[in-house]
C-alpha atoms as a PDB file:
ATOM      1  CA  UNK A   1      89.843  73.887  90.093  1.00  0.00           C
ATOM      2  CA  UNK A   2      86.326  73.647  88.737  1.00  0.00           C
ATOM      3  CA  UNK A   3      85.408  71.088  91.391  1.00  0.00           C
ATOM      4  CA  UNK A   4      86.785  73.309  94.159  1.00  0.00           C
ATOM      5  CA  UNK A   5      84.928  76.283  92.712  1.00  0.00           C
ATOM      6  CA  UNK A   6      81.614  74.424  92.656  1.00  0.00           C
ATOM      7  CA  UNK A   7      82.155  73.198  96.229  1.00  0.00           C
ATOM      8  CA  UNK A   8      82.879  76.682  97.505  1.00  0.00           C
ATOM      9  CA  UNK A   9      80.005  78.292  95.618  1.00  0.00           C
ATOM     10  CA  UNK A  10      77.583  75.590  96.824  1.00  0.00           C
ATOM     11  CA  UNK A  11      78.451  76.636 100.379  1.00  0.00           C
ATOM     12  CA  UNK A  12      77.639  80.275  99.680  1.00  0.00           C
ATOM     13  CA  UNK A  13      81.129  81.599  98.991  1.00  0.00           C
ATOM     14  CA  UNK A  14      81.638  84.174  96.285  1.00  0.00           C
ATOM     15  CA  UNK A  15      84.758  83.710  94.184  1.00  0.00           C
ATOM     16  CA  UNK A  16      86.393  86.812  92.809  1.00  0.00           C
ATOM     17  CA  UNK A  17      88.820  86.736  89.901  1.00  0.00           C
ATOM     18  CA  UNK A  18      92.280  87.796  91.006  1.00  0.00           C
ATOM     19  CA  UNK A  19      95.421  88.392  88.999  1.00  0.00           C
ATOM     20  CA  UNK A  20      98.528  88.739  91.178  1.00  0.00           C
ATOM     21  CA  UNK A  21     100.898  91.577  90.350  1.00  0.00           C
ATOM     22  CA  UNK A  22     103.990  90.862  88.370  1.00  0.00           C
ATOM     23  CA  UNK A  23     106.606  89.484  90.756  1.00  0.00           C
ATOM     24  CA  UNK A  24     109.303  91.926  89.621  1.00  0.00           C
ATOM     25  CA  UNK A  25     106.932  94.856  90.065  1.00  0.00           C
ATOM     26  CA  UNK A  26     105.739  93.575  93.460  1.00  0.00           C
ATOM     27  CA  UNK A  27     109.313  93.152  94.720  1.00  0.00           C
ATOM     28  CA  UNK A  28     110.227  96.660  93.589  1.00  0.00           C
ATOM     29  CA  UNK A  29     107.156  98.035  95.351  1.00  0.00           C
ATOM     30  CA  UNK A  30     107.979  96.050  98.505  1.00  0.00           C
ATOM     31  CA  UNK A  31     111.581  97.265  98.613  1.00  0.00           C
ATOM     32  CA  UNK A  32     110.430 100.802  97.922  1.00  0.00           C
ATOM     33  CA  UNK A  33     108.025 100.721 100.857  1.00  0.00           C
ATOM     34  CA  UNK A  34     110.384  98.963 103.268  1.00  0.00           C
ATOM     35  CA  UNK A  35     113.260 101.244 102.353  1.00  0.00           C
ATOM     36  CA  UNK A  36     111.295 104.497 102.312  1.00  0.00           C
ATOM     37  CA  UNK A  37     112.343 105.298 105.862  1.00  0.00           C
ATOM     38  CA  UNK A  38     115.756 103.686 105.504  1.00  0.00           C
ATOM     39  CA  UNK A  39     114.402 100.499 107.057  1.00  0.00           C
ATOM     40  CA  UNK A  40     113.838 102.182 110.460  1.00  0.00           C
ATOM     41  CA  UNK A  41     110.373 100.727 111.110  1.00  0.00           C
ATOM     42  CA  UNK A  42     111.473  97.269 110.012  1.00  0.00           C
ATOM     43  CA  UNK A  43     114.572  97.400 112.241  1.00  0.00           C
ATOM     44  CA  UNK A  44     112.438  98.486 115.202  1.00  0.00           C
ATOM     45  CA  UNK A  45     109.869  95.743 114.590  1.00  0.00           C
ATOM     46  CA  UNK A  46     112.565  93.062 114.362  1.00  0.00           C
ATOM     47  CA  UNK A  47     114.853  94.450 117.058  1.00  0.00           C
ATOM     48  CA  UNK A  48     114.179  91.763 119.672  1.00  0.00           C
ATOM     49  CA  UNK A  49     113.270  88.906 117.347  1.00  0.00           C
ATOM     50  CA  UNK A  50     115.395  86.018 116.208  1.00  0.00           C
ATOM     51  CA  UNK A  51     115.015  85.977 112.462  1.00  0.00           C
ATOM     52  CA  UNK A  52     116.309  84.366 109.331  1.00  0.00           C
ATOM     53  CA  UNK A  53     119.701  85.717 108.181  1.00  0.00           C
ATOM     54  CA  UNK A  54     118.110  86.677 104.845  1.00  0.00           C
ATOM     55  CA  UNK A  55     115.813  89.086 106.684  1.00  0.00           C
ATOM     56  CA  UNK A  56     118.826  90.629 108.408  1.00  0.00           C
ATOM     57  CA  UNK A  57     120.352  91.238 104.967  1.00  0.00           C
ATOM     58  CA  UNK A  58     117.123  92.789 103.670  1.00  0.00           C
ATOM     59  CA  UNK A  59     116.985  95.142 106.656  1.00  0.00           C
ATOM     60  CA  UNK A  60     120.590  96.118 106.062  1.00  0.00           C
ATOM     61  CA  UNK A  61     119.943  96.680 102.347  1.00  0.00           C
ATOM     62  CA  UNK A  62     116.931  98.863 103.090  1.00  0.00           C
ATOM     63  CA  UNK A  63     119.117 101.264 105.061  1.00  0.00           C
ATOM     64  CA  UNK A  64     121.704 101.752 102.294  1.00  0.00           C
ATOM     65  CA  UNK A  65     121.850 105.154 100.614  1.00  0.00           C
ATOM     66  CA  UNK A  66     120.485 105.202  97.060  1.00  0.00           C
ATOM     67  CA  UNK A  67     123.913 105.644  95.464  1.00  0.00           C
ATOM     68  CA  UNK A  68     125.377 102.686  97.334  1.00  0.00           C
ATOM     69  CA  UNK A  69     122.400 100.517  96.384  1.00  0.00           C
ATOM     70  CA  UNK A  70     122.833 101.550  92.739  1.00  0.00           C
ATOM     71  CA  UNK A  71     126.525 100.633  92.860  1.00  0.00           C
ATOM     72  CA  UNK A  72     125.792  97.278  94.510  1.00  0.00           C
ATOM     73  CA  UNK A  73     123.000  96.382  92.086  1.00  0.00           C
ATOM     74  CA  UNK A  74     125.239  94.723  89.441  1.00  0.00           C
ATOM     75  CA  UNK A  75     126.975  92.543  92.046  1.00  0.00           C
ATOM     76  CA  UNK A  76     123.726  91.597  93.748  1.00  0.00           C
ATOM     77  CA  UNK A  77     122.221  90.963  90.314  1.00  0.00           C
ATOM     78  CA  UNK A  78     124.890  88.361  89.578  1.00  0.00           C
ATOM     79  CA  UNK A  79     124.503  86.635  92.943  1.00  0.00           C
ATOM     80  CA  UNK A  80     120.716  86.936  93.182  1.00  0.00           C
ATOM     81  CA  UNK A  81     119.268  87.913  89.787  1.00  0.00           C
ATOM     82  CA  UNK A  82     115.703  88.443  91.027  1.00  0.00           C
ATOM     83  CA  UNK A  83     116.855  90.675  93.838  1.00  0.00           C
ATOM     84  CA  UNK A  84     119.296  92.805  91.863  1.00  0.00           C
ATOM     85  CA  UNK A  85     116.808  94.863  89.912  1.00  0.00           C
ATOM     86  CA  UNK A  86     114.622  95.466  92.971  1.00  0.00           C
ATOM     87  CA  UNK A  87     117.487  96.595  95.176  1.00  0.00           C
ATOM     88  CA  UNK A  88     117.576 100.120  93.814  1.00  0.00           C
ATOM     89  CA  UNK A  89     114.000 100.606  94.985  1.00  0.00           C
ATOM     90  CA  UNK A  90     115.069 100.341  98.646  1.00  0.00           C
ATOM     91  CA  UNK A  91     116.270 103.796  99.559  1.00  0.00           C
ATOM     92  CA  UNK A  92     115.073 106.620 101.802  1.00  0.00           C
ATOM     93  CA  UNK A  93     112.376 108.729 100.160  1.00  0.00           C
ATOM     94  CA  UNK A  94     110.569 112.000 100.598  1.00  0.00           C
ATOM     95  CA  UNK A  95     107.047 111.812 101.995  1.00  0.00           C
ATOM     96  CA  UNK A  96     105.355 112.445  98.649  1.00  0.00           C
ATOM     97  CA  UNK A  97     107.303 109.575  97.070  1.00  0.00           C
ATOM     98  CA  UNK A  98     106.124 107.269  99.858  1.00  0.00           C
ATOM     99  CA  UNK A  99     102.504 108.337  99.297  1.00  0.00           C
ATOM    100  CA  UNK A 100     102.872 107.557  95.603  1.00  0.00           C
ATOM    101  CA  UNK A 101     104.117 104.058  96.417  1.00  0.00           C
ATOM    102  CA  UNK A 102     101.272 103.512  98.883  1.00  0.00           C
ATOM    103  CA  UNK A 103      98.730 104.574  96.271  1.00  0.00           C
ATOM    104  CA  UNK A 104     100.309 102.202  93.760  1.00  0.00           C
ATOM    105  CA  UNK A 105     100.139  99.365  96.297  1.00  0.00           C
ATOM    106  CA  UNK A 106      96.410  99.991  96.741  1.00  0.00           C
ATOM    107  CA  UNK A 107      96.009  99.568  92.997  1.00  0.00           C
END
């Protein structure tokens, strides 16, 4: 890493320290944003595309009502532990809740 840093800096690049967000937190934020409109924008964007089956499942999950997502969380948590706790973040939201998530994403 030090060698790469010196090489980049010698070519005029400025390196900025970066700490990625916690994965669990980032996934919850992602699901919250994708699911804020019930997955409508995502479904529209992917409508004519061939995509991975996992994406199809994520789109479907984003359109679930909050109660259904909460009920499915334990099952999903057993099958996909990392996904289970983030699932309840993917539900339709009011506009002010979406703005809060967007502000959080901006840091």
